[in-house]
Amino acid sequence: GASLGVGVYLSLWGGSAWAVNAWLGLGLTGAAFVGAVLAVVLT
């Protein structure tokens, strides 16, 4: 779920440098956390 969240986030932002640097903030971090939680909820 976390991998899918990161993949969807990067695909939406095109894998840009801004998107990658957003890991320092709420970008990839938030996408990974939301993806992991949603996967557990689906389980």
PDB file of all heavy atoms in Angstrom:
ATOM      1  N   GLY A   1       0.812  -1.208   0.000  1.00  0.00           N
ATOM      2  CA  GLY A   1       0.000   0.000   0.000  1.00  0.00           C
ATOM      3  C   GLY A   1       0.841   1.252   0.000  1.00  0.00           C
ATOM      4  O   GLY A   1       0.529   2.227  -0.709  1.00  0.00           O
ATOM      5  N   ALA A   2       1.928   1.256   0.776  1.00  0.00           N
ATOM      6  CA  ALA A   2       2.819   2.409   0.789  1.00  0.00           C
ATOM      7  C   ALA A   2       3.487   2.601  -0.570  1.00  0.00           C
ATOM      8  O   ALA A   2       3.615   3.724  -1.063  1.00  0.00           O
ATOM      9  CB  ALA A   2       3.875   2.238   1.882  1.00  0.00           C
ATOM     10  N   SER A   3       3.923   1.505  -1.187  1.00  0.00           N
ATOM     11  CA  SER A   3       4.531   1.598  -2.518  1.00  0.00           C
ATOM     12  C   SER A   3       3.548   2.154  -3.538  1.00  0.00           C
ATOM     13  O   SER A   3       3.899   2.994  -4.373  1.00  0.00           O
ATOM     14  CB  SER A   3       5.025   0.218  -2.966  1.00  0.00           C
ATOM     15  OG  SER A   3       5.964  -0.304  -2.054  1.00  0.00           O
ATOM     16  N   LEU A   4       2.302   1.698  -3.475  1.00  0.00           N
ATOM     17  CA  LEU A   4       1.293   2.199  -4.405  1.00  0.00           C
ATOM     18  C   LEU A   4       1.015   3.676  -4.159  1.00  0.00           C
ATOM     19  O   LEU A   4       0.855   4.450  -5.110  1.00  0.00           O
ATOM     20  CB  LEU A   4       0.001   1.388  -4.260  1.00  0.00           C
ATOM     21  CG  LEU A   4      -1.155   1.806  -5.177  1.00  0.00           C
ATOM     22  CD1 LEU A   4      -0.741   1.700  -6.639  1.00  0.00           C
ATOM     23  CD2 LEU A   4      -2.387   0.949  -4.903  1.00  0.00           C
ATOM     24  N   GLY A   5       0.961   4.083  -2.891  1.00  0.00           N
ATOM     25  CA  GLY A   5       0.759   5.496  -2.590  1.00  0.00           C
ATOM     26  C   GLY A   5       1.857   6.362  -3.155  1.00  0.00           C
ATOM     27  O   GLY A   5       1.606   7.429  -3.741  1.00  0.00           O
ATOM     28  N   VAL A   6       3.101   5.915  -3.011  1.00  0.00           N
ATOM     29  CA  VAL A   6       4.231   6.664  -3.567  1.00  0.00           C
ATOM     30  C   VAL A   6       4.172   6.677  -5.091  1.00  0.00           C
ATOM     31  O   VAL A   6       4.407   7.706  -5.732  1.00  0.00           O
ATOM     32  CB  VAL A   6       5.562   6.057  -3.073  1.00  0.00           C
ATOM     33  CG1 VAL A   6       6.743   6.644  -3.828  1.00  0.00           C
ATOM     34  CG2 VAL A   6       5.720   6.293  -1.583  1.00  0.00           C
ATOM     35  N   GLY A   7       3.852   5.518  -5.694  1.00  0.00           N
ATOM     36  CA  GLY A   7       3.773   5.456  -7.146  1.00  0.00           C
ATOM     37  C   GLY A   7       2.694   6.370  -7.712  1.00  0.00           C
ATOM     38  O   GLY A   7       2.912   7.071  -8.709  1.00  0.00           O
ATOM     39  N   VAL A   8       1.530   6.388  -7.080  1.00  0.00           N
ATOM     40  CA  VAL A   8       0.446   7.263  -7.541  1.00  0.00           C
ATOM     41  C   VAL A   8       0.830   8.722  -7.364  1.00  0.00           C
ATOM     42  O   VAL A   8       0.594   9.565  -8.256  1.00  0.00           O
ATOM     43  CB  VAL A   8      -0.850   6.944  -6.771  1.00  0.00           C
ATOM     44  CG1 VAL A   8      -1.935   7.982  -7.061  1.00  0.00           C
ATOM     45  CG2 VAL A   8      -1.347   5.549  -7.138  1.00  0.00           C
ATOM     46  N   TYR A   9       1.447   9.049  -6.232  1.00  0.00           N
ATOM     47  CA  TYR A   9       1.860  10.434  -5.990  1.00  0.00           C
ATOM     48  C   TYR A   9       2.872  10.899  -7.041  1.00  0.00           C
ATOM     49  O   TYR A   9       2.743  11.984  -7.621  1.00  0.00           O
ATOM     50  CB  TYR A   9       2.461  10.550  -4.590  1.00  0.00           C
ATOM     51  CG  TYR A   9       3.061  11.904  -4.296  1.00  0.00           C
ATOM     52  CD1 TYR A   9       2.258  12.968  -3.913  1.00  0.00           C
ATOM     53  CD2 TYR A   9       4.432  12.115  -4.403  1.00  0.00           C
ATOM     54  CE1 TYR A   9       2.805  14.205  -3.650  1.00  0.00           C
ATOM     55  CE2 TYR A   9       4.981  13.354  -4.146  1.00  0.00           C
ATOM     56  CZ  TYR A   9       4.165  14.393  -3.765  1.00  0.00           C
ATOM     57  OH  TYR A   9       4.706  15.620  -3.523  1.00  0.00           O
ATOM     58  N   LEU A  10       3.859  10.068  -7.314  1.00  0.00           N
ATOM     59  CA  LEU A  10       4.881  10.447  -8.289  1.00  0.00           C
ATOM     60  C   LEU A  10       4.315  10.499  -9.703  1.00  0.00           C
ATOM     61  O   LEU A  10       4.719  11.337 -10.505  1.00  0.00           O
ATOM     62  CB  LEU A  10       6.047   9.464  -8.227  1.00  0.00           C
ATOM     63  CG  LEU A  10       6.918   9.538  -6.970  1.00  0.00           C
ATOM     64  CD1 LEU A  10       7.972   8.444  -6.992  1.00  0.00           C
ATOM     65  CD2 LEU A  10       7.587  10.901  -6.844  1.00  0.00           C
ATOM     66  N   SER A  11       3.374   9.599 -10.027  1.00  0.00           N
ATOM     67  CA  SER A  11       2.783   9.634 -11.355  1.00  0.00           C
ATOM     68  C   SER A  11       1.950  10.894 -11.554  1.00  0.00           C
ATOM     69  O   SER A  11       1.901  11.455 -12.656  1.00  0.00           O
ATOM     70  CB  SER A  11       1.931   8.389 -11.585  1.00  0.00           C
ATOM     71  OG  SER A  11       0.829   8.363 -10.688  1.00  0.00           O
ATOM     72  N   LEU A  12       1.304  11.373 -10.485  1.00  0.00           N
ATOM     73  CA  LEU A  12       0.517  12.601 -10.589  1.00  0.00           C
ATOM     74  C   LEU A  12       1.400  13.819 -10.788  1.00  0.00           C
ATOM     75  O   LEU A  12       1.046  14.749 -11.520  1.00  0.00           O
ATOM     76  CB  LEU A  12      -0.353  12.781  -9.338  1.00  0.00           C
ATOM     77  CG  LEU A  12      -1.505  11.789  -9.163  1.00  0.00           C
ATOM     78  CD1 LEU A  12      -2.216  12.026  -7.839  1.00  0.00           C
ATOM     79  CD2 LEU A  12      -2.481  11.882 -10.324  1.00  0.00           C
ATOM     80  N   TRP A  13       2.580  13.809 -10.129  1.00  0.00           N
ATOM     81  CA  TRP A  13       3.487  14.944 -10.242  1.00  0.00           C
ATOM     82  C   TRP A  13       4.581  14.704 -11.266  1.00  0.00           C
ATOM     83  O   TRP A  13       5.512  15.490 -11.372  1.00  0.00           O
ATOM     84  CB  TRP A  13       4.116  15.255  -8.881  1.00  0.00           C
ATOM     85  CG  TRP A  13       3.116  15.772  -7.906  1.00  0.00           C
ATOM     86  CD1 TRP A  13       2.539  15.082  -6.877  1.00  0.00           C
ATOM     87  CD2 TRP A  13       2.550  17.079  -7.865  1.00  0.00           C
ATOM     88  NE1 TRP A  13       1.650  15.874  -6.211  1.00  0.00           N
ATOM     89  CE2 TRP A  13       1.637  17.113  -6.786  1.00  0.00           C
ATOM     90  CE3 TRP A  13       2.727  18.235  -8.629  1.00  0.00           C
ATOM     91  CZ2 TRP A  13       0.905  18.244  -6.469  1.00  0.00           C
ATOM     92  CZ3 TRP A  13       1.996  19.361  -8.313  1.00  0.00           C
ATOM     93  CH2 TRP A  13       1.091  19.356  -7.239  1.00  0.00           C
ATOM     94  N   GLY A  14       4.504  13.592 -11.985  1.00  0.00           N
ATOM     95  CA  GLY A  14       5.431  13.347 -13.077  1.00  0.00           C
ATOM     96  C   GLY A  14       6.841  13.008 -12.665  1.00  0.00           C
ATOM     97  O   GLY A  14       7.767  13.095 -13.474  1.00  0.00           O
ATOM     98  N   GLY A  15       7.051  12.612 -11.400  1.00  0.00           N
ATOM     99  CA  GLY A  15       8.406  12.282 -10.955  1.00  0.00           C
ATOM    100  C   GLY A  15       9.334  13.470 -10.984  1.00  0.00           C
ATOM    101  O   GLY A  15      10.541  13.332 -11.153  1.00  0.00           O
ATOM    102  N   SER A  16       8.780  14.670 -10.831  1.00  0.00           N
ATOM    103  CA  SER A  16       9.584  15.880 -10.911  1.00  0.00           C
ATOM    104  C   SER A  16      10.500  16.010  -9.707  1.00  0.00           C
ATOM    105  O   SER A  16      10.332  15.349  -8.691  1.00  0.00           O
ATOM    106  CB  SER A  16       8.672  17.103 -10.990  1.00  0.00           C
ATOM    107  OG  SER A  16       7.886  17.203  -9.803  1.00  0.00           O
ATOM    108  N   ALA A  17      11.480  16.895  -9.840  1.00  0.00           N
ATOM    109  CA  ALA A  17      12.407  17.117  -8.728  1.00  0.00           C
ATOM    110  C   ALA A  17      11.664  17.660  -7.513  1.00  0.00           C
ATOM    111  O   ALA A  17      11.970  17.325  -6.371  1.00  0.00           O
ATOM    112  CB  ALA A  17      13.510  18.085  -9.151  1.00  0.00           C
ATOM    113  N   TRP A  18      10.628  18.497  -7.759  1.00  0.00           N
ATOM    114  CA  TRP A  18       9.855  19.018  -6.646  1.00  0.00           C
ATOM    115  C   TRP A  18       9.159  17.900  -5.893  1.00  0.00           C
ATOM    116  O   TRP A  18       9.103  17.884  -4.663  1.00  0.00           O
ATOM    117  CB  TRP A  18       8.816  20.005  -7.165  1.00  0.00           C
ATOM    118  CG  TRP A  18       8.008  20.602  -6.058  1.00  0.00           C
ATOM    119  CD1 TRP A  18       8.284  21.703  -5.319  1.00  0.00           C
ATOM    120  CD2 TRP A  18       6.765  20.085  -5.536  1.00  0.00           C
ATOM    121  NE1 TRP A  18       7.294  21.921  -4.380  1.00  0.00           N
ATOM    122  CE2 TRP A  18       6.360  20.939  -4.490  1.00  0.00           C
ATOM    123  CE3 TRP A  18       5.966  18.980  -5.860  1.00  0.00           C
ATOM    124  CZ2 TRP A  18       5.191  20.741  -3.770  1.00  0.00           C
ATOM    125  CZ3 TRP A  18       4.800  18.766  -5.141  1.00  0.00           C
ATOM    126  CH2 TRP A  18       4.418  19.641  -4.116  1.00  0.00           C
ATOM    127  N   ALA A  19       8.624  16.945  -6.634  1.00  0.00           N
ATOM    128  CA  ALA A  19       7.908  15.836  -5.996  1.00  0.00           C
ATOM    129  C   ALA A  19       8.842  14.987  -5.150  1.00  0.00           C
ATOM    130  O   ALA A  19       8.501  14.550  -4.057  1.00  0.00           O
ATOM    131  CB  ALA A  19       7.233  14.967  -7.059  1.00  0.00           C
ATOM    132  N   VAL A  20      10.054  14.738  -5.669  1.00  0.00           N
ATOM    133  CA  VAL A  20      11.022  13.949  -4.912  1.00  0.00           C
ATOM    134  C   VAL A  20      11.478  14.704  -3.669  1.00  0.00           C
ATOM    135  O   VAL A  20      11.562  14.150  -2.580  1.00  0.00           O
ATOM    136  CB  VAL A  20      12.223  13.586  -5.807  1.00  0.00           C
ATOM    137  CG1 VAL A  20      13.270  12.827  -5.004  1.00  0.00           C
ATOM    138  CG2 VAL A  20      11.764  12.747  -6.985  1.00  0.00           C
ATOM    139  N   ASN A  21      11.756  16.000  -3.813  1.00  0.00           N
ATOM    140  CA  ASN A  21      12.179  16.787  -2.667  1.00  0.00           C
ATOM    141  C   ASN A  21      11.075  16.937  -1.629  1.00  0.00           C
ATOM    142  O   ASN A  21      11.338  17.229  -0.471  1.00  0.00           O
ATOM    143  CB  ASN A  21      12.647  18.170  -3.120  1.00  0.00           C
ATOM    144  CG  ASN A  21      13.941  18.116  -3.911  1.00  0.00           C
ATOM    145  OD1 ASN A  21      14.739  17.203  -3.723  1.00  0.00           O
ATOM    146  ND2 ASN A  21      14.146  19.058  -4.797  1.00  0.00           N
ATOM    147  N   ALA A  22       9.837  16.736  -2.044  1.00  0.00           N
ATOM    148  CA  ALA A  22       8.727  16.850  -1.103  1.00  0.00           C
ATOM    149  C   ALA A  22       8.761  15.754  -0.049  1.00  0.00           C
ATOM    150  O   ALA A  22       8.013  15.808   0.921  1.00  0.00           O
ATOM    151  CB  ALA A  22       7.395  16.810  -1.848  1.00  0.00           C
ATOM    152  N   TRP A  23       9.606  14.725  -0.232  1.00  0.00           N
ATOM    153  CA  TRP A  23       9.771  13.705   0.799  1.00  0.00           C
ATOM    154  C   TRP A  23      10.183  14.344   2.125  1.00  0.00           C
ATOM    155  O   TRP A  23       9.907  13.845   3.202  1.00  0.00           O
ATOM    156  CB  TRP A  23      10.812  12.692   0.342  1.00  0.00           C
ATOM    157  CG  TRP A  23      10.737  11.389   1.082  1.00  0.00           C
ATOM    158  CD1 TRP A  23      10.007  11.105   2.198  1.00  0.00           C
ATOM    159  CD2 TRP A  23      11.422  10.178   0.761  1.00  0.00           C
ATOM    160  NE1 TRP A  23      10.187   9.801   2.584  1.00  0.00           N
ATOM    161  CE2 TRP A  23      11.064   9.217   1.722  1.00  0.00           C
ATOM    162  CE3 TRP A  23      12.307   9.822  -0.252  1.00  0.00           C
ATOM    163  CZ2 TRP A  23      11.562   7.924   1.700  1.00  0.00           C
ATOM    164  CZ3 TRP A  23      12.800   8.538  -0.265  1.00  0.00           C
ATOM    165  CH2 TRP A  23      12.433   7.605   0.691  1.00  0.00           C
ATOM    166  N   LEU A  24      10.868  15.499   2.027  1.00  0.00           N
ATOM    167  CA  LEU A  24      11.263  16.199   3.229  1.00  0.00           C
ATOM    168  C   LEU A  24      10.051  16.769   3.952  1.00  0.00           C
ATOM    169  O   LEU A  24      10.124  17.084   5.130  1.00  0.00           O
ATOM    170  CB  LEU A  24      12.240  17.330   2.875  1.00  0.00           C
ATOM    171  CG  LEU A  24      13.558  16.886   2.233  1.00  0.00           C
ATOM    172  CD1 LEU A  24      14.334  18.094   1.770  1.00  0.00           C
ATOM    173  CD2 LEU A  24      14.384  16.072   3.209  1.00  0.00           C
ATOM    174  N   GLY A  25       8.942  16.959   3.265  1.00  0.00           N
ATOM    175  CA  GLY A  25       7.746  17.501   3.887  1.00  0.00           C
ATOM    176  C   GLY A  25       6.645  16.479   3.966  1.00  0.00           C
ATOM    177  O   GLY A  25       6.799  15.406   4.533  1.00  0.00           O
ATOM    178  N   LEU A  26       5.514  16.810   3.365  1.00  0.00           N
ATOM    179  CA  LEU A  26       4.347  15.942   3.457  1.00  0.00           C
ATOM    180  C   LEU A  26       4.062  15.183   2.177  1.00  0.00           C
ATOM    181  O   LEU A  26       3.047  14.497   2.090  1.00  0.00           O
ATOM    182  CB  LEU A  26       3.111  16.779   3.835  1.00  0.00           C
ATOM    183  CG  LEU A  26       3.163  17.470   5.187  1.00  0.00           C
ATOM    184  CD1 LEU A  26       1.909  18.312   5.381  1.00  0.00           C
ATOM    185  CD2 LEU A  26       3.301  16.464   6.309  1.00  0.00           C
ATOM    186  N   GLY A  27       4.942  15.279   1.159  1.00  0.00           N
ATOM    187  CA  GLY A  27       4.676  14.678  -0.132  1.00  0.00           C
ATOM    188  C   GLY A  27       4.716  13.173  -0.103  1.00  0.00           C
ATOM    189  O   GLY A  27       3.716  12.493   0.120  1.00  0.00           O
ATOM    190  N   LEU A  28       5.877  12.600  -0.348  1.00  0.00           N
ATOM    191  CA  LEU A  28       6.008  11.145  -0.358  1.00  0.00           C
ATOM    192  C   LEU A  28       5.717  10.535   1.004  1.00  0.00           C
ATOM    193  O   LEU A  28       5.183   9.427   1.093  1.00  0.00           O
ATOM    194  CB  LEU A  28       7.415  10.760  -0.817  1.00  0.00           C
ATOM    195  CG  LEU A  28       7.792  11.103  -2.262  1.00  0.00           C
ATOM    196  CD1 LEU A  28       9.196  10.621  -2.563  1.00  0.00           C
ATOM    197  CD2 LEU A  28       6.801  10.494  -3.227  1.00  0.00           C
ATOM    198  N   THR A  29       6.064  11.258   2.063  1.00  0.00           N
ATOM    199  CA  THR A  29       5.793  10.738   3.405  1.00  0.00           C
ATOM    200  C   THR A  29       4.303  10.542   3.630  1.00  0.00           C
ATOM    201  O   THR A  29       3.848   9.482   4.073  1.00  0.00           O
ATOM    202  CB  THR A  29       6.360  11.701   4.465  1.00  0.00           C
ATOM    203  OG1 THR A  29       7.771  11.829   4.277  1.00  0.00           O
ATOM    204  CG2 THR A  29       6.079  11.192   5.865  1.00  0.00           C
ATOM    205  N   GLY A  30       3.532  11.572   3.311  1.00  0.00           N
ATOM    206  CA  GLY A  30       2.087  11.460   3.477  1.00  0.00           C
ATOM    207  C   GLY A  30       1.478  10.418   2.566  1.00  0.00           C
ATOM    208  O   GLY A  30       0.586   9.656   2.973  1.00  0.00           O
ATOM    209  N   ALA A  31       1.952  10.360   1.306  1.00  0.00           N
ATOM    210  CA  ALA A  31       1.417   9.379   0.354  1.00  0.00           C
ATOM    211  C   ALA A  31       1.707   7.959   0.825  1.00  0.00           C
ATOM    212  O   ALA A  31       0.841   7.075   0.734  1.00  0.00           O
ATOM    213  CB  ALA A  31       2.020   9.612  -1.029  1.00  0.00           C
ATOM    214  N   ALA A  32       2.915   7.706   1.326  1.00  0.00           N
ATOM    215  CA  ALA A  32       3.265   6.372   1.803  1.00  0.00           C
ATOM    216  C   ALA A  32       2.441   5.991   3.022  1.00  0.00           C
ATOM    217  O   ALA A  32       1.956   4.855   3.131  1.00  0.00           O
ATOM    218  CB  ALA A  32       4.758   6.310   2.127  1.00  0.00           C
ATOM    219  N   PHE A  33       2.265   6.914   3.940  1.00  0.00           N
ATOM    220  CA  PHE A  33       1.504   6.599   5.154  1.00  0.00           C
ATOM    221  C   PHE A  33       0.036   6.334   4.824  1.00  0.00           C
ATOM    222  O   PHE A  33      -0.552   5.367   5.316  1.00  0.00           O
ATOM    223  CB  PHE A  33       1.617   7.749   6.158  1.00  0.00           C
ATOM    224  CG  PHE A  33       0.928   7.479   7.465  1.00  0.00           C
ATOM    225  CD1 PHE A  33       1.539   6.680   8.413  1.00  0.00           C
ATOM    226  CD2 PHE A  33      -0.313   8.008   7.729  1.00  0.00           C
ATOM    227  CE1 PHE A  33       0.914   6.405   9.625  1.00  0.00           C
ATOM    228  CE2 PHE A  33      -0.952   7.744   8.933  1.00  0.00           C
ATOM    229  CZ  PHE A  33      -0.337   6.946   9.877  1.00  0.00           C
ATOM    230  N   VAL A  34      -0.549   7.180   3.985  1.00  0.00           N
ATOM    231  CA  VAL A  34      -1.953   6.984   3.611  1.00  0.00           C
ATOM    232  C   VAL A  34      -2.126   5.662   2.863  1.00  0.00           C
ATOM    233  O   VAL A  34      -3.085   4.911   3.109  1.00  0.00           O
ATOM    234  CB  VAL A  34      -2.452   8.164   2.760  1.00  0.00           C
ATOM    235  CG1 VAL A  34      -3.825   7.869   2.163  1.00  0.00           C
ATOM    236  CG2 VAL A  34      -2.503   9.429   3.599  1.00  0.00           C
ATOM    237  N   GLY A  35      -1.196   5.354   1.964  1.00  0.00           N
ATOM    238  CA  GLY A  35      -1.275   4.094   1.241  1.00  0.00           C
ATOM    239  C   GLY A  35      -1.187   2.896   2.160  1.00  0.00           C
ATOM    240  O   GLY A  35      -1.924   1.912   2.004  1.00  0.00           O
ATOM    241  N   ALA A  36      -0.284   2.952   3.150  1.00  0.00           N
ATOM    242  CA  ALA A  36      -0.142   1.838   4.091  1.00  0.00           C
ATOM    243  C   ALA A  36      -1.403   1.653   4.923  1.00  0.00           C
ATOM    244  O   ALA A  36      -1.871   0.522   5.128  1.00  0.00           O
ATOM    245  CB  ALA A  36       1.063   2.081   4.994  1.00  0.00           C
ATOM    246  N   VAL A  37      -1.977   2.743   5.406  1.00  0.00           N
ATOM    247  CA  VAL A  37      -3.189   2.650   6.235  1.00  0.00           C
ATOM    248  C   VAL A  37      -4.369   2.125   5.423  1.00  0.00           C
ATOM    249  O   VAL A  37      -5.130   1.262   5.882  1.00  0.00           O
ATOM    250  CB  VAL A  37      -3.512   4.017   6.854  1.00  0.00           C
ATOM    251  CG1 VAL A  37      -4.863   3.985   7.546  1.00  0.00           C
ATOM    252  CG2 VAL A  37      -2.427   4.415   7.852  1.00  0.00           C
ATOM    253  N   LEU A  38      -4.528   2.632   4.196  1.00  0.00           N
ATOM    254  CA  LEU A  38      -5.635   2.172   3.363  1.00  0.00           C
ATOM    255  C   LEU A  38      -5.499   0.688   3.012  1.00  0.00           C
ATOM    256  O   LEU A  38      -6.500  -0.028   2.915  1.00  0.00           O
ATOM    257  CB  LEU A  38      -5.714   3.007   2.085  1.00  0.00           C
ATOM    258  CG  LEU A  38      -6.161   4.465   2.267  1.00  0.00           C
ATOM    259  CD1 LEU A  38      -6.183   5.179   0.924  1.00  0.00           C
ATOM    260  CD2 LEU A  38      -7.532   4.538   2.932  1.00  0.00           C
ATOM    261  N   ALA A  39      -4.273   0.227   2.813  1.00  0.00           N
ATOM    262  CA  ALA A  39      -4.072  -1.193   2.539  1.00  0.00           C
ATOM    263  C   ALA A  39      -4.503  -2.049   3.724  1.00  0.00           C
ATOM    264  O   ALA A  39      -5.134  -3.107   3.547  1.00  0.00           O
ATOM    265  CB  ALA A  39      -2.604  -1.453   2.199  1.00  0.00           C
ATOM    266  N   VAL A  40      -4.181  -1.617   4.932  1.00  0.00           N
ATOM    267  CA  VAL A  40      -4.597  -2.375   6.120  1.00  0.00           C
ATOM    268  C   VAL A  40      -6.115  -2.348   6.269  1.00  0.00           C
ATOM    269  O   VAL A  40      -6.734  -3.355   6.628  1.00  0.00           O
ATOM    270  CB  VAL A  40      -3.908  -1.815   7.373  1.00  0.00           C
ATOM    271  CG1 VAL A  40      -4.420  -2.515   8.623  1.00  0.00           C
ATOM    272  CG2 VAL A  40      -2.396  -1.986   7.266  1.00  0.00           C
ATOM    273  N   VAL A  41      -6.721  -1.186   5.990  1.00  0.00           N
ATOM    274  CA  VAL A  41      -8.184  -1.104   6.046  1.00  0.00           C
ATOM    275  C   VAL A  41      -8.813  -2.064   5.039  1.00  0.00           C
ATOM    276  O   VAL A  41      -9.794  -2.765   5.339  1.00  0.00           O
ATOM    277  CB  VAL A  41      -8.639   0.348   5.772  1.00  0.00           C
ATOM    278  CG1 VAL A  41     -10.163   0.412   5.612  1.00  0.00           C
ATOM    279  CG2 VAL A  41      -8.190   1.263   6.907  1.00  0.00           C
ATOM    280  N   LEU A  42      -8.249  -2.125   3.827  1.00  0.00           N
ATOM    281  CA  LEU A  42      -8.749  -3.065   2.821  1.00  0.00           C
ATOM    282  C   LEU A  42      -8.604  -4.508   3.293  1.00  0.00           C
ATOM    283  O   LEU A  42      -9.495  -5.345   3.082  1.00  0.00           O
ATOM    284  CB  LEU A  42      -8.004  -2.850   1.505  1.00  0.00           C
ATOM    285  CG  LEU A  42      -8.399  -3.770   0.337  1.00  0.00           C
ATOM    286  CD1 LEU A  42      -9.882  -3.622   0.007  1.00  0.00           C
ATOM    287  CD2 LEU A  42      -7.531  -3.462  -0.887  1.00  0.00           C
ATOM    288  N   THR A  43      -7.494  -4.810   3.952  1.00  0.00           N
ATOM    289  CA  THR A  43      -7.292  -6.147   4.508  1.00  0.00           C
ATOM    290  C   THR A  43      -8.356  -6.477   5.550  1.00  0.00           C
ATOM    291  O   THR A  43      -8.908  -7.582   5.568  1.00  0.00           O
ATOM    292  CB  THR A  43      -5.894  -6.251   5.142  1.00  0.00           C
ATOM    293  OG1 THR A  43      -4.894  -6.024   4.143  1.00  0.00           O
ATOM    294  CG2 THR A  43      -5.681  -7.620   5.758  1.00  0.00           C
TER     295      THR A  43
END
